[in-house]
Amino acid sequence: MYIQPAWHPSGVLVACGSTAPTVNVWDIRYHKLDQPSQTITTPHDKRILRCAFHPKDDCLLTVSSDCHLAFSTYHSTLVRD
């Protein structure tokens, strides 16, 4: 399986898992694209295959190659109106 990115419903954040049990989040308006705006540590033991933003809350659903699902929070200040 490949690691796949996820877009926030606002269209300004993109999140992507990694080979580590972390998720990198980029705010495409304010940050350099070569550095994530935020790195989220998840409770997984293996790489993150897929993530999805919750449509209303400041959390991500992640799926890992350890065969588990998890919810992780991110800083809501990344999304500005």
PDB file of N, CA and C in Angstrom:
ATOM      1  N   MET A   1       0.835  -1.188   0.000  1.00  0.00           N
ATOM      2  CA  MET A   1       0.000   0.000   0.000  1.00  0.00           C
ATOM      3  C   MET A   1       0.873   1.242   0.000  1.00  0.00           C
ATOM      4  N   TYR A   2       0.352   2.294  -0.616  1.00  0.00           N
ATOM      5  CA  TYR A   2       1.042   3.565  -0.669  1.00  0.00           C
ATOM      6  C   TYR A   2       0.477   4.522   0.373  1.00  0.00           C
ATOM      7  N   ILE A   3       1.319   5.429   0.843  1.00  0.00           N
ATOM      8  CA  ILE A   3       0.883   6.487   1.740  1.00  0.00           C
ATOM      9  C   ILE A   3       0.159   7.528   0.901  1.00  0.00           C
ATOM     10  N   GLN A   4      -1.048   7.931   1.329  1.00  0.00           N
ATOM     11  CA  GLN A   4      -1.856   8.860   0.544  1.00  0.00           C
ATOM     12  C   GLN A   4      -2.160  10.118   1.346  1.00  0.00           C
ATOM     13  N   PRO A   5      -2.095  11.293   0.725  1.00  0.00           N
ATOM     14  CA  PRO A   5      -2.395  12.549   1.415  1.00  0.00           C
ATOM     15  C   PRO A   5      -3.899  12.750   1.592  1.00  0.00           C
ATOM     16  N   ALA A   6      -4.243  13.651   2.507  1.00  0.00           N
ATOM     17  CA  ALA A   6      -5.648  14.005   2.753  1.00  0.00           C
ATOM     18  C   ALA A   6      -5.757  15.521   2.828  1.00  0.00           C
ATOM     19  N   TRP A   7      -6.800  16.073   2.221  1.00  0.00           N
ATOM     20  CA  TRP A   7      -7.044  17.511   2.256  1.00  0.00           C
ATOM     21  C   TRP A   7      -8.094  17.845   3.306  1.00  0.00           C
ATOM     22  N   HIS A   8      -7.861  18.920   4.046  1.00  0.00           N
ATOM     23  CA  HIS A   8      -8.825  19.440   5.012  1.00  0.00           C
ATOM     24  C   HIS A   8     -10.024  19.992   4.236  1.00  0.00           C
ATOM     25  N   PRO A   9     -11.239  19.935   4.789  1.00  0.00           N
ATOM     26  CA  PRO A   9     -12.406  20.473   4.083  1.00  0.00           C
ATOM     27  C   PRO A   9     -12.264  21.949   3.690  1.00  0.00           C
ATOM     28  N   SER A  10     -11.442  22.716   4.413  1.00  0.00           N
ATOM     29  CA  SER A  10     -11.237  24.126   4.076  1.00  0.00           C
ATOM     30  C   SER A  10     -10.402  24.300   2.812  1.00  0.00           C
ATOM     31  N   GLY A  11      -9.659  23.258   2.433  1.00  0.00           N
ATOM     32  CA  GLY A  11      -8.825  23.322   1.250  1.00  0.00           C
ATOM     33  C   GLY A  11      -7.453  23.932   1.461  1.00  0.00           C
ATOM     34  N   VAL A  12      -7.107  24.287   2.697  1.00  0.00           N
ATOM     35  CA  VAL A  12      -5.809  24.925   2.941  1.00  0.00           C
ATOM     36  C   VAL A  12      -4.820  24.042   3.686  1.00  0.00           C
ATOM     37  N   LEU A  13      -5.261  22.927   4.219  1.00  0.00           N
ATOM     38  CA  LEU A  13      -4.371  22.006   4.912  1.00  0.00           C
ATOM     39  C   LEU A  13      -4.305  20.691   4.151  1.00  0.00           C
ATOM     40  N   VAL A  14      -3.126  20.129   4.128  1.00  0.00           N
ATOM     41  CA  VAL A  14      -2.954  18.795   3.580  1.00  0.00           C
ATOM     42  C   VAL A  14      -2.153  17.997   4.603  1.00  0.00           C
ATOM     43  N   ALA A  15      -2.561  16.761   4.822  1.00  0.00           N
ATOM     44  CA  ALA A  15      -1.888  15.884   5.782  1.00  0.00           C
ATOM     45  C   ALA A  15      -1.448  14.620   5.069  1.00  0.00           C
ATOM     46  N   CYS A  16      -0.321  14.102   5.513  1.00  0.00           N
ATOM     47  CA  CYS A  16       0.187  12.884   4.910  1.00  0.00           C
ATOM     48  C   CYS A  16       0.903  12.066   5.975  1.00  0.00           C
ATOM     49  N   GLY A  17       0.660  10.783   5.975  1.00  0.00           N
ATOM     50  CA  GLY A  17       1.358   9.890   6.881  1.00  0.00           C
ATOM     51  C   GLY A  17       2.808   9.743   6.470  1.00  0.00           C
ATOM     52  N   SER A  18       3.528   8.936   7.210  1.00  0.00           N
ATOM     53  CA  SER A  18       4.947   8.734   6.913  1.00  0.00           C
ATOM     54  C   SER A  18       5.325   7.303   7.263  1.00  0.00           C
ATOM     55  N   THR A  19       6.578   6.973   7.027  1.00  0.00           N
ATOM     56  CA  THR A  19       7.048   5.632   7.381  1.00  0.00           C
ATOM     57  C   THR A  19       7.192   5.495   8.889  1.00  0.00           C
ATOM     58  N   ALA A  20       7.213   6.601   9.597  1.00  0.00           N
ATOM     59  CA  ALA A  20       7.188   6.600  11.068  1.00  0.00           C
ATOM     60  C   ALA A  20       5.725   6.706  11.494  1.00  0.00           C
ATOM     61  N   PRO A  21       5.430   6.489  12.771  1.00  0.00           N
ATOM     62  CA  PRO A  21       4.035   6.620  13.216  1.00  0.00           C
ATOM     63  C   PRO A  21       3.641   8.080  13.455  1.00  0.00           C
ATOM     64  N   THR A  22       3.903   8.938  12.479  1.00  0.00           N
ATOM     65  CA  THR A  22       3.565  10.356  12.571  1.00  0.00           C
ATOM     66  C   THR A  22       2.813  10.800  11.329  1.00  0.00           C
ATOM     67  N   VAL A  23       2.115  11.933  11.474  1.00  0.00           N
ATOM     68  CA  VAL A  23       1.424  12.564  10.359  1.00  0.00           C
ATOM     69  C   VAL A  23       1.974  13.984  10.236  1.00  0.00           C
ATOM     70  N   ASN A  24       2.340  14.379   9.042  1.00  0.00           N
ATOM     71  CA  ASN A  24       2.786  15.745   8.779  1.00  0.00           C
ATOM     72  C   ASN A  24       1.641  16.535   8.178  1.00  0.00           C
ATOM     73  N   VAL A  25       1.458  17.769   8.673  1.00  0.00           N
ATOM     74  CA  VAL A  25       0.383  18.639   8.203  1.00  0.00           C
ATOM     75  C   VAL A  25       1.018  19.914   7.652  1.00  0.00           C
ATOM     76  N   TRP A  26       0.612  20.303   6.456  1.00  0.00           N
ATOM     77  CA  TRP A  26       1.088  21.539   5.842  1.00  0.00           C
ATOM     78  C   TRP A  26      -0.067  22.498   5.656  1.00  0.00           C
ATOM     79  N   ASP A  27       0.141  23.774   6.019  1.00  0.00           N
ATOM     80  CA  ASP A  27      -0.781  24.851   5.686  1.00  0.00           C
ATOM     81  C   ASP A  27      -0.200  25.481   4.427  1.00  0.00           C
ATOM     82  N   ILE A  28      -0.842  25.276   3.304  1.00  0.00           N
ATOM     83  CA  ILE A  28      -0.251  25.674   2.027  1.00  0.00           C
ATOM     84  C   ILE A  28      -0.226  27.186   1.829  1.00  0.00           C
ATOM     85  N   ARG A  29      -0.882  27.946   2.706  1.00  0.00           N
ATOM     86  CA  ARG A  29      -0.878  29.401   2.565  1.00  0.00           C
ATOM     87  C   ARG A  29       0.312  30.066   3.240  1.00  0.00           C
ATOM     88  N   TYR A  30       0.782  29.514   4.353  1.00  0.00           N
ATOM     89  CA  TYR A  30       1.709  30.254   5.203  1.00  0.00           C
ATOM     90  C   TYR A  30       3.063  29.607   5.421  1.00  0.00           C
ATOM     91  N   HIS A  31       3.274  28.403   5.014  1.00  0.00           N
ATOM     92  CA  HIS A  31       4.509  27.701   5.353  1.00  0.00           C
ATOM     93  C   HIS A  31       5.226  27.201   4.114  1.00  0.00           C
ATOM     94  N   LYS A  32       6.509  27.010   4.276  1.00  0.00           N
ATOM     95  CA  LYS A  32       7.301  26.427   3.202  1.00  0.00           C
ATOM     96  C   LYS A  32       6.825  25.003   2.947  1.00  0.00           C
ATOM     97  N   LEU A  33       6.820  24.629   1.706  1.00  0.00           N
ATOM     98  CA  LEU A  33       6.338  23.295   1.375  1.00  0.00           C
ATOM     99  C   LEU A  33       7.343  22.198   1.716  1.00  0.00           C
ATOM    100  N   ASP A  34       8.611  22.562   1.925  1.00  0.00           N
ATOM    101  CA  ASP A  34       9.601  21.539   2.261  1.00  0.00           C
ATOM    102  C   ASP A  34       9.640  21.224   3.752  1.00  0.00           C
ATOM    103  N   GLN A  35       8.851  21.967   4.555  1.00  0.00           N
ATOM    104  CA  GLN A  35       8.776  21.724   5.989  1.00  0.00           C
ATOM    105  C   GLN A  35       7.312  21.692   6.418  1.00  0.00           C
ATOM    106  N   PRO A  36       6.899  20.661   7.148  1.00  0.00           N
ATOM    107  CA  PRO A  36       5.501  20.635   7.587  1.00  0.00           C
ATOM    108  C   PRO A  36       5.219  21.729   8.612  1.00  0.00           C
ATOM    109  N   SER A  37       3.991  22.211   8.626  1.00  0.00           N
ATOM    110  CA  SER A  37       3.558  23.187   9.623  1.00  0.00           C
ATOM    111  C   SER A  37       3.471  22.548  10.999  1.00  0.00           C
ATOM    112  N   GLN A  38       3.177  21.260  11.003  1.00  0.00           N
ATOM    113  CA  GLN A  38       2.988  20.527  12.257  1.00  0.00           C
ATOM    114  C   GLN A  38       3.239  19.045  12.006  1.00  0.00           C
ATOM    115  N   THR A  39       3.868  18.388  12.977  1.00  0.00           N
ATOM    116  CA  THR A  39       4.028  16.937  12.934  1.00  0.00           C
ATOM    117  C   THR A  39       3.274  16.359  14.128  1.00  0.00           C
ATOM    118  N   ILE A  40       2.378  15.447  13.844  1.00  0.00           N
ATOM    119  CA  ILE A  40       1.513  14.863  14.872  1.00  0.00           C
ATOM    120  C   ILE A  40       1.987  13.449  15.166  1.00  0.00           C
ATOM    121  N   THR A  41       2.252  13.185  16.428  1.00  0.00           N
ATOM    122  CA  THR A  41       2.604  11.831  16.857  1.00  0.00           C
ATOM    123  C   THR A  41       1.320  11.056  17.104  1.00  0.00           C
ATOM    124  N   THR A  42       1.235   9.865  16.565  1.00  0.00           N
ATOM    125  CA  THR A  42       0.041   9.030  16.706  1.00  0.00           C
ATOM    126  C   THR A  42       0.346   7.849  17.631  1.00  0.00           C
ATOM    127  N   PRO A  43      -0.674   7.145  18.091  1.00  0.00           N
ATOM    128  CA  PRO A  43      -0.443   5.980  18.950  1.00  0.00           C
ATOM    129  C   PRO A  43      -0.070   4.708  18.192  1.00  0.00           C
ATOM    130  N   HIS A  44       0.166   4.816  16.896  1.00  0.00           N
ATOM    131  CA  HIS A  44       0.485   3.634  16.093  1.00  0.00           C
ATOM    132  C   HIS A  44       1.921   3.160  16.327  1.00  0.00           C
ATOM    133  N   ASP A  45       2.171   1.901  15.966  1.00  0.00           N
ATOM    134  CA  ASP A  45       3.504   1.314  16.060  1.00  0.00           C
ATOM    135  C   ASP A  45       4.222   1.261  14.719  1.00  0.00           C
ATOM    136  N   LYS A  46       3.465   1.389  13.638  1.00  0.00           N
ATOM    137  CA  LYS A  46       4.045   1.290  12.298  1.00  0.00           C
ATOM    138  C   LYS A  46       3.631   2.488  11.460  1.00  0.00           C
ATOM    139  N   ARG A  47       3.997   2.475  10.193  1.00  0.00           N
ATOM    140  CA  ARG A  47       3.761   3.624   9.324  1.00  0.00           C
ATOM    141  C   ARG A  47       2.276   3.921   9.143  1.00  0.00           C
ATOM    142  N   ILE A  48       2.002   5.178   8.850  1.00  0.00           N
ATOM    143  CA  ILE A  48       0.638   5.637   8.614  1.00  0.00           C
ATOM    144  C   ILE A  48       0.340   5.506   7.131  1.00  0.00           C
ATOM    145  N   LEU A  49      -0.664   4.736   6.803  1.00  0.00           N
ATOM    146  CA  LEU A  49      -1.016   4.510   5.402  1.00  0.00           C
ATOM    147  C   LEU A  49      -1.973   5.558   4.867  1.00  0.00           C
ATOM    148  N   ARG A  50      -2.897   5.975   5.717  1.00  0.00           N
ATOM    149  CA  ARG A  50      -3.923   6.907   5.266  1.00  0.00           C
ATOM    150  C   ARG A  50      -4.418   7.721   6.454  1.00  0.00           C
ATOM    151  N   CYS A  51      -4.806   8.954   6.182  1.00  0.00           N
ATOM    152  CA  CYS A  51      -5.402   9.784   7.217  1.00  0.00           C
ATOM    153  C   CYS A  51      -6.552  10.571   6.608  1.00  0.00           C
ATOM    154  N   ALA A  52      -7.450  11.031   7.459  1.00  0.00           N
ATOM    155  CA  ALA A  52      -8.596  11.813   7.011  1.00  0.00           C
ATOM    156  C   ALA A  52      -8.939  12.835   8.079  1.00  0.00           C
ATOM    157  N   PHE A  53      -9.219  14.060   7.653  1.00  0.00           N
ATOM    158  CA  PHE A  53      -9.631  15.104   8.585  1.00  0.00           C
ATOM    159  C   PHE A  53     -11.085  14.901   8.969  1.00  0.00           C
ATOM    160  N   HIS A  54     -11.380  15.124  10.253  1.00  0.00           N
ATOM    161  CA  HIS A  54     -12.775  15.164  10.688  1.00  0.00           C
ATOM    162  C   HIS A  54     -13.376  16.438  10.096  1.00  0.00           C
ATOM    163  N   PRO A  55     -14.610  16.403   9.582  1.00  0.00           N
ATOM    164  CA  PRO A  55     -15.168  17.582   8.918  1.00  0.00           C
ATOM    165  C   PRO A  55     -15.421  18.781   9.835  1.00  0.00           C
ATOM    166  N   LYS A  56     -15.577  18.567  11.154  1.00  0.00           N
ATOM    167  CA  LYS A  56     -15.897  19.675  12.048  1.00  0.00           C
ATOM    168  C   LYS A  56     -14.930  19.826  13.224  1.00  0.00           C
ATOM    169  N   ASP A  57     -14.358  18.750  13.712  1.00  0.00           N
ATOM    170  CA  ASP A  57     -13.475  18.813  14.871  1.00  0.00           C
ATOM    171  C   ASP A  57     -12.012  18.847  14.437  1.00  0.00           C
ATOM    172  N   ASP A  58     -11.151  19.247  15.363  1.00  0.00           N
ATOM    173  CA  ASP A  58      -9.715  19.343  15.090  1.00  0.00           C
ATOM    174  C   ASP A  58      -9.028  18.008  15.331  1.00  0.00           C
ATOM    175  N   CYS A  59      -9.419  17.016  14.566  1.00  0.00           N
ATOM    176  CA  CYS A  59      -8.786  15.708  14.714  1.00  0.00           C
ATOM    177  C   CYS A  59      -8.662  15.005  13.371  1.00  0.00           C
ATOM    178  N   LEU A  60      -7.750  14.067  13.360  1.00  0.00           N
ATOM    179  CA  LEU A  60      -7.490  13.248  12.181  1.00  0.00           C
ATOM    180  C   LEU A  60      -7.748  11.798  12.524  1.00  0.00           C
ATOM    181  N   LEU A  61      -8.312  11.078  11.604  1.00  0.00           N
ATOM    182  CA  LEU A  61      -8.425   9.624  11.708  1.00  0.00           C
ATOM    183  C   LEU A  61      -7.251   9.058  10.933  1.00  0.00           C
ATOM    184  N   THR A  62      -6.507   8.151  11.542  1.00  0.00           N
ATOM    185  CA  THR A  62      -5.362   7.548  10.863  1.00  0.00           C
ATOM    186  C   THR A  62      -5.511   6.035  10.813  1.00  0.00           C
ATOM    187  N   VAL A  63      -4.995   5.465   9.731  1.00  0.00           N
ATOM    188  CA  VAL A  63      -4.969   4.019   9.527  1.00  0.00           C
ATOM    189  C   VAL A  63      -3.505   3.641   9.342  1.00  0.00           C
ATOM    190  N   SER A  64      -3.084   2.634  10.078  1.00  0.00           N
ATOM    191  CA  SER A  64      -1.673   2.250  10.061  1.00  0.00           C
ATOM    192  C   SER A  64      -1.498   0.821   9.561  1.00  0.00           C
ATOM    193  N   SER A  65      -0.268   0.514   9.174  1.00  0.00           N
ATOM    194  CA  SER A  65       0.030  -0.862   8.779  1.00  0.00           C
ATOM    195  C   SER A  65       0.085  -1.792   9.990  1.00  0.00           C
ATOM    196  N   ASP A  66      -0.114  -1.249  11.209  1.00  0.00           N
ATOM    197  CA  ASP A  66      -0.247  -2.108  12.388  1.00  0.00           C
ATOM    198  C   ASP A  66      -1.682  -2.611  12.556  1.00  0.00           C
ATOM    199  N   CYS A  67      -2.532  -2.330  11.543  1.00  0.00           N
ATOM    200  CA  CYS A  67      -3.939  -2.804  11.489  1.00  0.00           C
ATOM    201  C   CYS A  67      -4.828  -2.152  12.544  1.00  0.00           C
ATOM    202  N   HIS A  68      -4.554  -0.890  12.896  1.00  0.00           N
ATOM    203  CA  HIS A  68      -5.366  -0.157  13.860  1.00  0.00           C
ATOM    204  C   HIS A  68      -5.781   1.192  13.292  1.00  0.00           C
ATOM    205  N   LEU A  69      -6.896   1.694  13.829  1.00  0.00           N
ATOM    206  CA  LEU A  69      -7.371   3.049  13.559  1.00  0.00           C
ATOM    207  C   LEU A  69      -7.097   3.886  14.790  1.00  0.00           C
ATOM    208  N   ALA A  70      -6.871   5.181  14.604  1.00  0.00           N
ATOM    209  CA  ALA A  70      -6.662   6.064  15.754  1.00  0.00           C
ATOM    210  C   ALA A  70      -7.130   7.465  15.410  1.00  0.00           C
ATOM    211  N   PHE A  71      -7.536   8.210  16.437  1.00  0.00           N
ATOM    212  CA  PHE A  71      -7.850   9.626  16.308  1.00  0.00           C
ATOM    213  C   PHE A  71      -6.725  10.411  16.951  1.00  0.00           C
ATOM    214  N   SER A  72      -6.273  11.462  16.285  1.00  0.00           N
ATOM    215  CA  SER A  72      -5.238  12.343  16.809  1.00  0.00           C
ATOM    216  C   SER A  72      -5.674  13.781  16.585  1.00  0.00           C
ATOM    217  N   THR A  73      -5.340  14.660  17.513  1.00  0.00           N
ATOM    218  CA  THR A  73      -5.714  16.065  17.386  1.00  0.00           C
ATOM    219  C   THR A  73      -4.584  16.861  16.747  1.00  0.00           C
ATOM    220  N   TYR A  74      -4.937  18.000  16.173  1.00  0.00           N
ATOM    221  CA  TYR A  74      -3.969  18.936  15.614  1.00  0.00           C
ATOM    222  C   TYR A  74      -4.355  20.333  16.088  1.00  0.00           C
ATOM    223  N   HIS A  75      -3.457  21.284  15.890  1.00  0.00           N
ATOM    224  CA  HIS A  75      -3.707  22.659  16.329  1.00  0.00           C
ATOM    225  C   HIS A  75      -4.678  23.345  15.383  1.00  0.00           C
ATOM    226  N   SER A  76      -5.818  23.756  15.921  1.00  0.00           N
ATOM    227  CA  SER A  76      -6.839  24.376  15.085  1.00  0.00           C
ATOM    228  C   SER A  76      -6.418  25.748  14.594  1.00  0.00           C
ATOM    229  N   THR A  77      -5.371  26.340  15.178  1.00  0.00           N
ATOM    230  CA  THR A  77      -4.927  27.650  14.723  1.00  0.00           C
ATOM    231  C   THR A  77      -4.336  27.591  13.323  1.00  0.00           C
ATOM    232  N   LEU A  78      -4.081  26.396  12.822  1.00  0.00           N
ATOM    233  CA  LEU A  78      -3.568  26.267  11.459  1.00  0.00           C
ATOM    234  C   LEU A  78      -4.588  26.733  10.441  1.00  0.00           C
ATOM    235  N   VAL A  79      -5.867  26.560  10.746  1.00  0.00           N
ATOM    236  CA  VAL A  79      -6.925  26.967   9.812  1.00  0.00           C
ATOM    237  C   VAL A  79      -7.454  28.316  10.264  1.00  0.00           C
ATOM    238  N   ARG A  80      -7.211  29.331   9.453  1.00  0.00           N
ATOM    239  CA  ARG A  80      -7.666  30.685   9.767  1.00  0.00           C
ATOM    240  C   ARG A  80      -8.724  31.093   8.756  1.00  0.00           C
ATOM    241  N   ASP A  81      -9.715  31.825   9.235  1.00  0.00           N
ATOM    242  CA  ASP A  81     -10.773  32.308   8.319  1.00  0.00           C
ATOM    243  C   ASP A  81     -10.382  33.602   7.667  1.00  0.00           C
TER     244      ASP A  81
END
